[in-house]
Amino acid sequence: MEFFCYHRDRPDSMPLRDTLVEEHWSYMDRYAAELIARGPTFDSDTVTGSVHIVDLPDAATARAFAFDEPNYQAGVYRDVLVRRWRNALGRTMWDFPGGREGGNRYLVLGLGSGEPADLVPPPDQDELIAYGPLLSDDGTTWLGTALLIRAPDPDAARAILPPDRYADIEVHDWAFGGRR
């Protein structure tokens, strides 16, 4: 089962995050085979959160993954979103043809309202890094869509999801994560 985890940083948590970087990476190294995508979100040069998309056996294991993470345990994050997710592209971020570098990259979160939307990626998938619906724990209820994309700007990234199908759409600067 695939899960989308988004850890949002507390204000002014960067010094604490910096002291824990090796612990965080070592923790993520233990899940290397299960990771579909990972990386920080930004506002200018300030880290605002971390995205982790993982393939784990069940919701309890996904919650343990999210809440045992060293940054969470130390208080870096103010909140955590953990949702079932379906990998509509069938690949990891490392399989993205555009590579790790170049261009602007974004996390787009469409929080659902009403009937399911965007269960399959749009026809032009060249710039999509990861894409899939957010689902309830049992996988039956659509709660939104989460995607990672390379796009010219935040407005172009947001345009992937039709605003009339979502209660809210968030766009965050994002970068490939992991050890450099």
N, C-alpha and C. Protein backbone atom coordinates (compact mmCIF):
# COMPACT_ATOMS: atom_id res chain seq x y z
N MET A 1 0.84 -1.18 0.00
CA MET A 1 0.00 0.00 0.00
C MET A 1 0.88 1.24 0.00
N GLU A 2 0.48 2.19 -0.78
CA GLU A 2 1.28 3.41 -0.89
C GLU A 2 0.65 4.51 -0.02
N PHE A 3 1.54 5.31 0.59
CA PHE A 3 1.11 6.36 1.50
C PHE A 3 1.85 7.65 1.18
N PHE A 4 1.12 8.76 1.30
CA PHE A 4 1.68 10.10 1.15
C PHE A 4 1.79 10.70 2.54
N CYS A 5 2.99 11.15 2.90
CA CYS A 5 3.23 11.79 4.20
C CYS A 5 3.79 13.18 3.94
N TYR A 6 3.18 14.16 4.57
CA TYR A 6 3.69 15.53 4.46
C TYR A 6 3.85 16.08 5.88
N HIS A 7 5.09 16.28 6.26
CA HIS A 7 5.46 16.84 7.56
C HIS A 7 5.68 18.33 7.37
N ARG A 8 4.89 19.17 8.06
CA ARG A 8 5.04 20.63 7.96
C ARG A 8 5.85 21.13 9.15
N ASP A 9 6.87 21.94 8.86
CA ASP A 9 7.77 22.45 9.90
C ASP A 9 7.09 23.47 10.80
N ARG A 10 7.55 23.50 12.04
CA ARG A 10 7.20 24.59 12.95
C ARG A 10 8.01 25.82 12.51
N PRO A 11 7.50 27.02 12.81
CA PRO A 11 8.30 28.22 12.51
C PRO A 11 9.63 28.17 13.27
N ASP A 12 10.67 28.64 12.64
CA ASP A 12 12.00 28.75 13.26
C ASP A 12 12.58 27.41 13.71
N SER A 13 12.22 26.32 13.04
CA SER A 13 12.74 25.00 13.42
C SER A 13 14.00 24.61 12.66
N MET A 14 14.48 25.47 11.77
CA MET A 14 15.64 25.12 10.94
C MET A 14 16.88 24.76 11.74
N PRO A 15 17.24 25.49 12.81
CA PRO A 15 18.42 25.09 13.58
C PRO A 15 18.31 23.66 14.13
N LEU A 16 17.14 23.29 14.62
CA LEU A 16 16.94 21.94 15.12
C LEU A 16 17.00 20.93 13.97
N ARG A 17 16.38 21.26 12.86
CA ARG A 17 16.41 20.40 11.67
C ARG A 17 17.86 20.16 11.25
N ASP A 18 18.67 21.23 11.24
CA ASP A 18 20.08 21.11 10.84
C ASP A 18 20.85 20.13 11.72
N THR A 19 20.57 20.13 13.02
CA THR A 19 21.30 19.24 13.93
C THR A 19 20.88 17.78 13.73
N LEU A 20 19.72 17.56 13.13
CA LEU A 20 19.19 16.20 12.98
C LEU A 20 19.33 15.64 11.57
N VAL A 21 20.00 16.35 10.67
CA VAL A 21 20.01 15.93 9.28
C VAL A 21 20.56 14.51 9.10
N GLU A 22 21.62 14.16 9.79
CA GLU A 22 22.18 12.81 9.62
C GLU A 22 21.23 11.76 10.21
N GLU A 23 20.62 12.06 11.35
CA GLU A 23 19.64 11.12 11.92
C GLU A 23 18.46 10.91 10.96
N HIS A 24 17.99 12.01 10.38
CA HIS A 24 16.87 11.93 9.42
C HIS A 24 17.26 11.07 8.22
N TRP A 25 18.41 11.36 7.62
CA TRP A 25 18.84 10.59 6.45
C TRP A 25 19.06 9.12 6.80
N SER A 26 19.65 8.84 7.95
CA SER A 26 19.86 7.45 8.35
C SER A 26 18.53 6.73 8.53
N TYR A 27 17.56 7.42 9.10
CA TYR A 27 16.22 6.84 9.26
C TYR A 27 15.62 6.54 7.89
N MET A 28 15.73 7.49 6.97
CA MET A 28 15.18 7.29 5.62
C MET A 28 15.93 6.20 4.86
N ASP A 29 17.23 6.06 5.12
CA ASP A 29 18.01 5.00 4.48
C ASP A 29 17.41 3.62 4.79
N ARG A 30 16.85 3.47 5.97
CA ARG A 30 16.22 2.19 6.35
C ARG A 30 15.00 1.88 5.48
N TYR A 31 14.44 2.90 4.83
CA TYR A 31 13.24 2.73 4.00
C TYR A 31 13.55 2.94 2.51
N ALA A 32 14.80 2.89 2.14
CA ALA A 32 15.20 3.19 0.75
C ALA A 32 14.41 2.37 -0.27
N ALA A 33 14.19 1.11 -0.01
CA ALA A 33 13.48 0.25 -0.96
C ALA A 33 11.99 0.57 -1.04
N GLU A 34 11.45 1.21 0.00
CA GLU A 34 10.02 1.51 0.05
C GLU A 34 9.68 2.93 -0.43
N LEU A 35 10.69 3.79 -0.55
CA LEU A 35 10.43 5.18 -0.92
C LEU A 35 10.12 5.33 -2.41
N ILE A 36 9.03 6.04 -2.68
CA ILE A 36 8.63 6.37 -4.04
C ILE A 36 9.12 7.78 -4.37
N ALA A 37 9.06 8.66 -3.39
CA ALA A 37 9.55 10.03 -3.54
C ALA A 37 9.81 10.61 -2.16
N ARG A 38 10.69 11.60 -2.13
CA ARG A 38 11.01 12.28 -0.88
C ARG A 38 11.64 13.62 -1.20
N GLY A 39 11.54 14.53 -0.25
CA GLY A 39 12.22 15.81 -0.42
C GLY A 39 11.57 16.93 0.35
N PRO A 40 12.34 18.00 0.56
CA PRO A 40 11.84 19.13 1.33
C PRO A 40 10.99 20.09 0.50
N THR A 41 10.09 20.79 1.19
CA THR A 41 9.38 21.91 0.60
C THR A 41 10.01 23.19 1.13
N PHE A 42 9.85 24.28 0.37
CA PHE A 42 10.52 25.54 0.68
C PHE A 42 9.58 26.72 0.54
N ASP A 43 9.94 27.80 1.21
CA ASP A 43 9.42 29.14 0.96
C ASP A 43 10.66 30.00 0.83
N SER A 44 10.99 30.40 -0.37
CA SER A 44 12.28 31.04 -0.68
C SER A 44 13.38 30.05 -0.32
N ASP A 45 14.27 30.41 0.62
CA ASP A 45 15.35 29.50 1.01
C ASP A 45 15.06 28.79 2.32
N THR A 46 13.88 28.98 2.88
CA THR A 46 13.53 28.39 4.17
C THR A 46 12.78 27.08 3.97
N VAL A 47 13.26 26.01 4.59
CA VAL A 47 12.57 24.73 4.52
C VAL A 47 11.27 24.84 5.31
N THR A 48 10.17 24.38 4.71
CA THR A 48 8.86 24.46 5.35
C THR A 48 8.26 23.09 5.65
N GLY A 49 8.87 22.02 5.15
CA GLY A 49 8.31 20.70 5.37
C GLY A 49 9.07 19.63 4.63
N SER A 50 8.56 18.40 4.74
CA SER A 50 9.17 17.25 4.07
C SER A 50 8.07 16.35 3.52
N VAL A 51 8.25 15.93 2.28
CA VAL A 51 7.36 14.98 1.62
C VAL A 51 8.03 13.62 1.61
N HIS A 52 7.27 12.59 1.97
CA HIS A 52 7.74 11.21 1.86
C HIS A 52 6.57 10.39 1.31
N ILE A 53 6.78 9.76 0.17
CA ILE A 53 5.79 8.85 -0.38
C ILE A 53 6.40 7.45 -0.30
N VAL A 54 5.71 6.57 0.40
CA VAL A 54 6.27 5.25 0.72
C VAL A 54 5.29 4.14 0.41
N ASP A 55 5.83 2.97 0.13
CA ASP A 55 5.04 1.76 -0.08
C ASP A 55 5.26 0.88 1.14
N LEU A 56 4.24 0.78 1.99
CA LEU A 56 4.33 0.05 3.26
C LEU A 56 3.15 -0.91 3.40
N PRO A 57 3.25 -1.90 4.29
CA PRO A 57 2.22 -2.93 4.36
C PRO A 57 0.83 -2.46 4.77
N ASP A 58 0.73 -1.44 5.63
CA ASP A 58 -0.58 -1.04 6.13
C ASP A 58 -0.52 0.35 6.75
N ALA A 59 -1.69 0.86 7.15
CA ALA A 59 -1.79 2.22 7.71
C ALA A 59 -1.03 2.34 9.03
N ALA A 60 -1.05 1.31 9.86
CA ALA A 60 -0.34 1.37 11.14
C ALA A 60 1.17 1.52 10.91
N THR A 61 1.70 0.81 9.93
CA THR A 61 3.13 0.91 9.61
C THR A 61 3.44 2.29 9.04
N ALA A 62 2.54 2.84 8.23
CA ALA A 62 2.75 4.18 7.67
C ALA A 62 2.75 5.23 8.78
N ARG A 63 1.84 5.10 9.74
CA ARG A 63 1.83 6.05 10.85
C ARG A 63 3.10 5.93 11.68
N ALA A 64 3.54 4.71 11.92
CA ALA A 64 4.79 4.51 12.66
C ALA A 64 5.95 5.16 11.90
N PHE A 65 6.01 4.95 10.58
CA PHE A 65 7.04 5.58 9.76
C PHE A 65 7.02 7.10 9.95
N ALA A 66 5.85 7.71 9.86
CA ALA A 66 5.72 9.17 9.94
C ALA A 66 6.04 9.71 11.32
N PHE A 67 5.58 9.03 12.35
CA PHE A 67 5.69 9.59 13.70
C PHE A 67 6.93 9.12 14.47
N ASP A 68 7.63 8.12 13.98
CA ASP A 68 8.90 7.72 14.59
C ASP A 68 10.08 8.47 13.97
N GLU A 69 9.83 9.21 12.92
CA GLU A 69 10.87 9.95 12.21
C GLU A 69 11.55 10.91 13.18
N PRO A 70 12.89 10.99 13.17
CA PRO A 70 13.63 11.79 14.16
C PRO A 70 13.23 13.27 14.24
N ASN A 71 12.97 13.90 13.10
CA ASN A 71 12.56 15.30 13.15
C ASN A 71 11.22 15.46 13.86
N TYR A 72 10.29 14.53 13.61
CA TYR A 72 9.01 14.59 14.31
C TYR A 72 9.22 14.39 15.81
N GLN A 73 9.99 13.39 16.16
CA GLN A 73 10.23 13.08 17.57
C GLN A 73 10.87 14.26 18.31
N ALA A 74 11.70 15.03 17.63
CA ALA A 74 12.41 16.15 18.25
C ALA A 74 11.61 17.45 18.25
N GLY A 75 10.48 17.49 17.53
CA GLY A 75 9.65 18.69 17.53
C GLY A 75 9.86 19.64 16.36
N VAL A 76 10.51 19.18 15.29
CA VAL A 76 10.70 20.03 14.12
C VAL A 76 9.35 20.34 13.45
N TYR A 77 8.46 19.36 13.41
CA TYR A 77 7.21 19.49 12.65
C TYR A 77 6.06 19.97 13.53
N ARG A 78 5.20 20.79 12.92
CA ARG A 78 4.00 21.25 13.63
C ARG A 78 2.82 20.32 13.38
N ASP A 79 2.79 19.67 12.22
CA ASP A 79 1.73 18.70 11.95
C ASP A 79 2.18 17.75 10.85
N VAL A 80 1.45 16.64 10.74
CA VAL A 80 1.79 15.61 9.76
C VAL A 80 0.50 15.13 9.10
N LEU A 81 0.52 15.07 7.78
CA LEU A 81 -0.58 14.51 7.00
C LEU A 81 -0.13 13.14 6.50
N VAL A 82 -0.90 12.11 6.83
CA VAL A 82 -0.62 10.75 6.34
C VAL A 82 -1.90 10.25 5.68
N ARG A 83 -1.81 9.94 4.39
CA ARG A 83 -2.96 9.45 3.64
C ARG A 83 -2.54 8.32 2.72
N ARG A 84 -3.47 7.37 2.52
CA ARG A 84 -3.26 6.39 1.46
C ARG A 84 -3.12 7.17 0.16
N TRP A 85 -2.37 6.62 -0.75
CA TRP A 85 -2.08 7.27 -2.02
C TRP A 85 -1.93 6.17 -3.06
N ARG A 86 -2.27 6.45 -4.28
CA ARG A 86 -2.09 5.44 -5.34
C ARG A 86 -1.14 6.02 -6.38
N ASN A 87 -0.08 5.29 -6.66
CA ASN A 87 0.96 5.71 -7.60
C ASN A 87 0.45 5.55 -9.03
N ALA A 88 -0.19 6.60 -9.53
CA ALA A 88 -0.80 6.54 -10.86
C ALA A 88 0.24 6.51 -11.99
N LEU A 89 1.48 6.90 -11.70
CA LEU A 89 2.52 6.85 -12.73
C LEU A 89 3.27 5.52 -12.72
N GLY A 90 3.18 4.79 -11.60
CA GLY A 90 3.83 3.49 -11.51
C GLY A 90 5.35 3.56 -11.49
N ARG A 91 5.90 4.68 -11.00
CA ARG A 91 7.36 4.81 -10.95
C ARG A 91 7.75 5.60 -9.71
N THR A 92 9.05 5.67 -9.47
CA THR A 92 9.57 6.48 -8.37
C THR A 92 10.10 7.80 -8.94
N MET A 93 10.46 8.71 -8.04
CA MET A 93 11.02 9.98 -8.50
C MET A 93 12.36 9.76 -9.19
N TRP A 94 13.07 8.71 -8.81
CA TRP A 94 14.37 8.42 -9.42
C TRP A 94 14.22 7.95 -10.86
N ASP A 95 13.01 7.53 -11.25
CA ASP A 95 12.73 7.13 -12.62
C ASP A 95 12.26 8.30 -13.48
N PHE A 96 12.07 9.47 -12.89
CA PHE A 96 11.61 10.65 -13.63
C PHE A 96 12.61 10.97 -14.73
N PRO A 97 12.18 11.01 -15.98
CA PRO A 97 13.11 11.23 -17.09
C PRO A 97 13.85 12.57 -17.02
N GLY A 98 13.29 13.55 -16.30
CA GLY A 98 13.92 14.85 -16.21
C GLY A 98 15.06 14.94 -15.22
N GLY A 99 15.31 13.88 -14.47
CA GLY A 99 16.43 13.86 -13.53
C GLY A 99 16.21 14.68 -12.27
N ARG A 100 17.25 14.72 -11.43
CA ARG A 100 17.19 15.40 -10.12
C ARG A 100 17.28 16.91 -10.22
N GLU A 101 17.96 17.42 -11.22
CA GLU A 101 18.28 18.84 -11.31
C GLU A 101 17.57 19.49 -12.48
N GLY A 102 17.51 20.80 -12.44
CA GLY A 102 16.99 21.58 -13.55
C GLY A 102 15.51 21.88 -13.45
N GLY A 103 15.17 23.13 -13.63
CA GLY A 103 13.77 23.55 -13.60
C GLY A 103 13.24 23.73 -12.19
N ASN A 104 12.05 24.28 -12.11
CA ASN A 104 11.37 24.47 -10.83
C ASN A 104 10.50 23.26 -10.55
N ARG A 105 10.52 22.83 -9.31
CA ARG A 105 9.74 21.65 -8.93
C ARG A 105 8.81 22.02 -7.79
N TYR A 106 7.62 21.41 -7.81
CA TYR A 106 6.58 21.77 -6.86
C TYR A 106 5.84 20.55 -6.33
N LEU A 107 5.38 20.69 -5.09
CA LEU A 107 4.38 19.80 -4.52
C LEU A 107 3.05 20.50 -4.71
N VAL A 108 2.08 19.80 -5.29
CA VAL A 108 0.72 20.33 -5.42
C VAL A 108 -0.20 19.40 -4.65
N LEU A 109 -0.92 19.97 -3.69
CA LEU A 109 -1.88 19.22 -2.88
C LEU A 109 -3.27 19.76 -3.17
N GLY A 110 -4.12 18.94 -3.74
CA GLY A 110 -5.51 19.30 -3.96
C GLY A 110 -6.35 18.57 -2.92
N LEU A 111 -6.95 19.32 -2.02
CA LEU A 111 -7.77 18.72 -0.97
C LEU A 111 -9.19 18.60 -1.48
N GLY A 112 -9.68 17.37 -1.49
CA GLY A 112 -10.91 17.05 -2.18
C GLY A 112 -12.18 17.53 -1.51
N SER A 113 -13.18 17.66 -2.34
CA SER A 113 -14.53 17.92 -1.87
C SER A 113 -15.48 17.36 -2.93
N GLY A 114 -16.33 16.46 -2.52
CA GLY A 114 -17.31 15.92 -3.45
C GLY A 114 -16.83 14.68 -4.18
N GLU A 115 -17.28 14.58 -5.41
CA GLU A 115 -17.00 13.41 -6.23
C GLU A 115 -15.51 13.30 -6.55
N PRO A 116 -15.00 12.08 -6.68
CA PRO A 116 -13.59 11.90 -7.03
C PRO A 116 -13.23 12.60 -8.34
N ALA A 117 -12.02 13.17 -8.36
CA ALA A 117 -11.52 13.86 -9.55
C ALA A 117 -10.08 13.45 -9.78
N ASP A 118 -9.66 13.54 -11.00
CA ASP A 118 -8.25 13.37 -11.34
C ASP A 118 -7.65 12.07 -10.82
N LEU A 119 -8.38 10.98 -10.98
CA LEU A 119 -7.88 9.68 -10.52
C LEU A 119 -6.76 9.16 -11.41
N VAL A 120 -6.72 9.66 -12.63
CA VAL A 120 -5.63 9.31 -13.55
C VAL A 120 -4.91 10.59 -13.94
N PRO A 121 -3.64 10.51 -14.25
CA PRO A 121 -2.88 11.71 -14.61
C PRO A 121 -3.40 12.33 -15.90
N PRO A 122 -3.16 13.63 -16.07
CA PRO A 122 -3.51 14.26 -17.34
C PRO A 122 -2.69 13.64 -18.47
N PRO A 123 -3.16 13.77 -19.71
CA PRO A 123 -2.49 13.10 -20.83
C PRO A 123 -1.02 13.48 -21.00
N ASP A 124 -0.64 14.73 -20.76
CA ASP A 124 0.76 15.15 -20.91
C ASP A 124 1.48 14.91 -19.59
N GLN A 125 2.20 13.80 -19.48
CA GLN A 125 2.84 13.38 -18.22
C GLN A 125 4.33 13.69 -18.17
N ASP A 126 4.88 14.33 -19.16
CA ASP A 126 6.33 14.50 -19.24
C ASP A 126 6.94 15.20 -18.03
N GLU A 127 6.22 16.14 -17.43
CA GLU A 127 6.78 16.91 -16.32
C GLU A 127 6.31 16.41 -14.95
N LEU A 128 5.47 15.40 -14.93
CA LEU A 128 5.02 14.83 -13.66
C LEU A 128 6.10 13.93 -13.08
N ILE A 129 6.43 14.17 -11.82
CA ILE A 129 7.43 13.37 -11.11
C ILE A 129 6.75 12.27 -10.32
N ALA A 130 5.64 12.61 -9.68
CA ALA A 130 4.79 11.65 -8.94
C ALA A 130 3.37 12.18 -9.01
N TYR A 131 2.38 11.27 -9.03
CA TYR A 131 0.99 11.68 -9.17
C TYR A 131 0.09 10.59 -8.62
N GLY A 132 -0.91 11.00 -7.84
CA GLY A 132 -1.88 10.02 -7.39
C GLY A 132 -2.94 10.59 -6.49
N PRO A 133 -4.05 9.87 -6.36
CA PRO A 133 -5.12 10.31 -5.48
C PRO A 133 -4.78 10.06 -4.01
N LEU A 134 -5.25 10.96 -3.16
CA LEU A 134 -5.21 10.78 -1.71
C LEU A 134 -6.49 10.06 -1.32
N LEU A 135 -6.36 9.03 -0.49
CA LEU A 135 -7.50 8.16 -0.18
C LEU A 135 -7.64 7.97 1.33
N SER A 136 -8.82 7.54 1.75
CA SER A 136 -9.04 7.17 3.14
C SER A 136 -8.19 5.94 3.48
N ASP A 137 -8.05 5.64 4.76
CA ASP A 137 -7.23 4.50 5.18
C ASP A 137 -7.64 3.19 4.50
N ASP A 138 -8.93 3.01 4.27
CA ASP A 138 -9.37 1.76 3.64
C ASP A 138 -9.31 1.83 2.11
N GLY A 139 -8.90 2.98 1.58
CA GLY A 139 -8.71 3.12 0.14
C GLY A 139 -9.98 3.32 -0.66
N THR A 140 -11.13 3.52 0.00
CA THR A 140 -12.39 3.61 -0.73
C THR A 140 -12.89 5.03 -0.96
N THR A 141 -12.45 5.98 -0.15
CA THR A 141 -12.95 7.34 -0.27
C THR A 141 -11.85 8.26 -0.80
N TRP A 142 -12.17 9.00 -1.85
CA TRP A 142 -11.25 9.97 -2.44
C TRP A 142 -11.21 11.21 -1.56
N LEU A 143 -10.00 11.65 -1.20
CA LEU A 143 -9.82 12.82 -0.34
C LEU A 143 -9.06 13.94 -1.03
N GLY A 144 -8.57 13.68 -2.23
CA GLY A 144 -7.82 14.71 -2.94
C GLY A 144 -6.79 14.11 -3.87
N THR A 145 -5.84 14.94 -4.27
CA THR A 145 -4.78 14.52 -5.18
C THR A 145 -3.47 15.15 -4.72
N ALA A 146 -2.39 14.37 -4.77
CA ALA A 146 -1.06 14.89 -4.45
C ALA A 146 -0.14 14.57 -5.62
N LEU A 147 0.64 15.58 -6.01
CA LEU A 147 1.57 15.37 -7.12
C LEU A 147 2.82 16.19 -6.93
N LEU A 148 3.87 15.73 -7.56
CA LEU A 148 5.13 16.44 -7.67
C LEU A 148 5.35 16.69 -9.15
N ILE A 149 5.76 17.92 -9.48
CA ILE A 149 5.84 18.30 -10.88
C ILE A 149 6.97 19.29 -11.12
N ARG A 150 7.56 19.22 -12.30
CA ARG A 150 8.46 20.27 -12.77
C ARG A 150 7.61 21.20 -13.63
N ALA A 151 7.64 22.50 -13.30
CA ALA A 151 6.80 23.46 -14.02
C ALA A 151 7.51 24.82 -14.05
N PRO A 152 7.14 25.68 -14.97
CA PRO A 152 7.81 26.99 -15.06
C PRO A 152 7.61 27.86 -13.82
N ASP A 153 6.42 27.74 -13.18
CA ASP A 153 6.13 28.59 -12.03
C ASP A 153 4.98 27.96 -11.22
N PRO A 154 4.69 28.49 -10.03
CA PRO A 154 3.63 27.92 -9.19
C PRO A 154 2.26 27.91 -9.87
N ASP A 155 1.95 28.94 -10.65
CA ASP A 155 0.65 28.99 -11.32
C ASP A 155 0.50 27.86 -12.33
N ALA A 156 1.56 27.56 -13.05
CA ALA A 156 1.52 26.45 -14.02
C ALA A 156 1.37 25.11 -13.28
N ALA A 157 2.03 24.98 -12.14
CA ALA A 157 1.89 23.75 -11.35
C ALA A 157 0.46 23.60 -10.84
N ARG A 158 -0.10 24.69 -10.33
CA ARG A 158 -1.48 24.67 -9.80
C ARG A 158 -2.48 24.33 -10.90
N ALA A 159 -2.22 24.76 -12.13
CA ALA A 159 -3.16 24.56 -13.24
C ALA A 159 -3.38 23.10 -13.59
N ILE A 160 -2.54 22.20 -13.08
CA ILE A 160 -2.72 20.76 -13.34
C ILE A 160 -4.05 20.28 -12.77
N LEU A 161 -4.47 20.85 -11.63
CA LEU A 161 -5.72 20.45 -10.98
C LEU A 161 -6.79 21.51 -11.20
N PRO A 162 -7.99 21.11 -11.66
CA PRO A 162 -9.05 22.09 -11.88
C PRO A 162 -9.60 22.61 -10.54
N PRO A 163 -9.57 23.91 -10.29
CA PRO A 163 -9.93 24.45 -8.99
C PRO A 163 -11.37 24.17 -8.56
N ASP A 164 -12.27 23.98 -9.51
CA ASP A 164 -13.67 23.74 -9.15
C ASP A 164 -13.90 22.35 -8.56
N ARG A 165 -12.92 21.47 -8.63
CA ARG A 165 -13.07 20.10 -8.09
C ARG A 165 -12.44 19.94 -6.71
N TYR A 166 -11.85 21.01 -6.17
CA TYR A 166 -11.11 20.93 -4.91
C TYR A 166 -11.56 22.01 -3.94
N ALA A 167 -11.58 21.67 -2.66
CA ALA A 167 -11.88 22.66 -1.62
C ALA A 167 -10.72 23.64 -1.47
N ASP A 168 -9.50 23.14 -1.68
CA ASP A 168 -8.30 23.97 -1.58
C ASP A 168 -7.19 23.32 -2.38
N ILE A 169 -6.34 24.14 -2.98
CA ILE A 169 -5.16 23.64 -3.69
C ILE A 169 -3.96 24.40 -3.13
N GLU A 170 -2.98 23.65 -2.63
CA GLU A 170 -1.74 24.23 -2.11
C GLU A 170 -0.62 23.93 -3.10
N VAL A 171 0.28 24.88 -3.26
CA VAL A 171 1.47 24.69 -4.09
C VAL A 171 2.68 25.09 -3.26
N HIS A 172 3.65 24.20 -3.18
CA HIS A 172 4.87 24.43 -2.41
C HIS A 172 6.09 24.15 -3.29
N ASP A 173 7.10 25.01 -3.21
CA ASP A 173 8.38 24.69 -3.84
C ASP A 173 8.87 23.38 -3.24
N TRP A 174 9.45 22.53 -4.07
CA TRP A 174 9.89 21.21 -3.62
C TRP A 174 11.20 20.86 -4.32
N ALA A 175 12.02 20.05 -3.66
CA ALA A 175 13.27 19.57 -4.26
C ALA A 175 13.43 18.08 -3.99
N PHE A 176 14.12 17.39 -4.91
CA PHE A 176 14.47 15.99 -4.68
C PHE A 176 15.23 15.89 -3.36
N GLY A 177 14.86 14.93 -2.54
CA GLY A 177 15.52 14.77 -1.26
C GLY A 177 16.54 13.65 -1.26
N GLY A 178 17.11 13.44 -0.11
CA GLY A 178 18.09 12.38 0.07
C GLY A 178 19.51 12.90 0.11
N ARG A 179 20.39 11.98 0.34
CA ARG A 179 21.81 12.32 0.42
C ARG A 179 22.30 12.83 -0.93
N ARG A 180 23.15 13.79 -0.88
CA ARG A 180 23.72 14.35 -2.12
C ARG A 180 25.03 13.64 -2.43
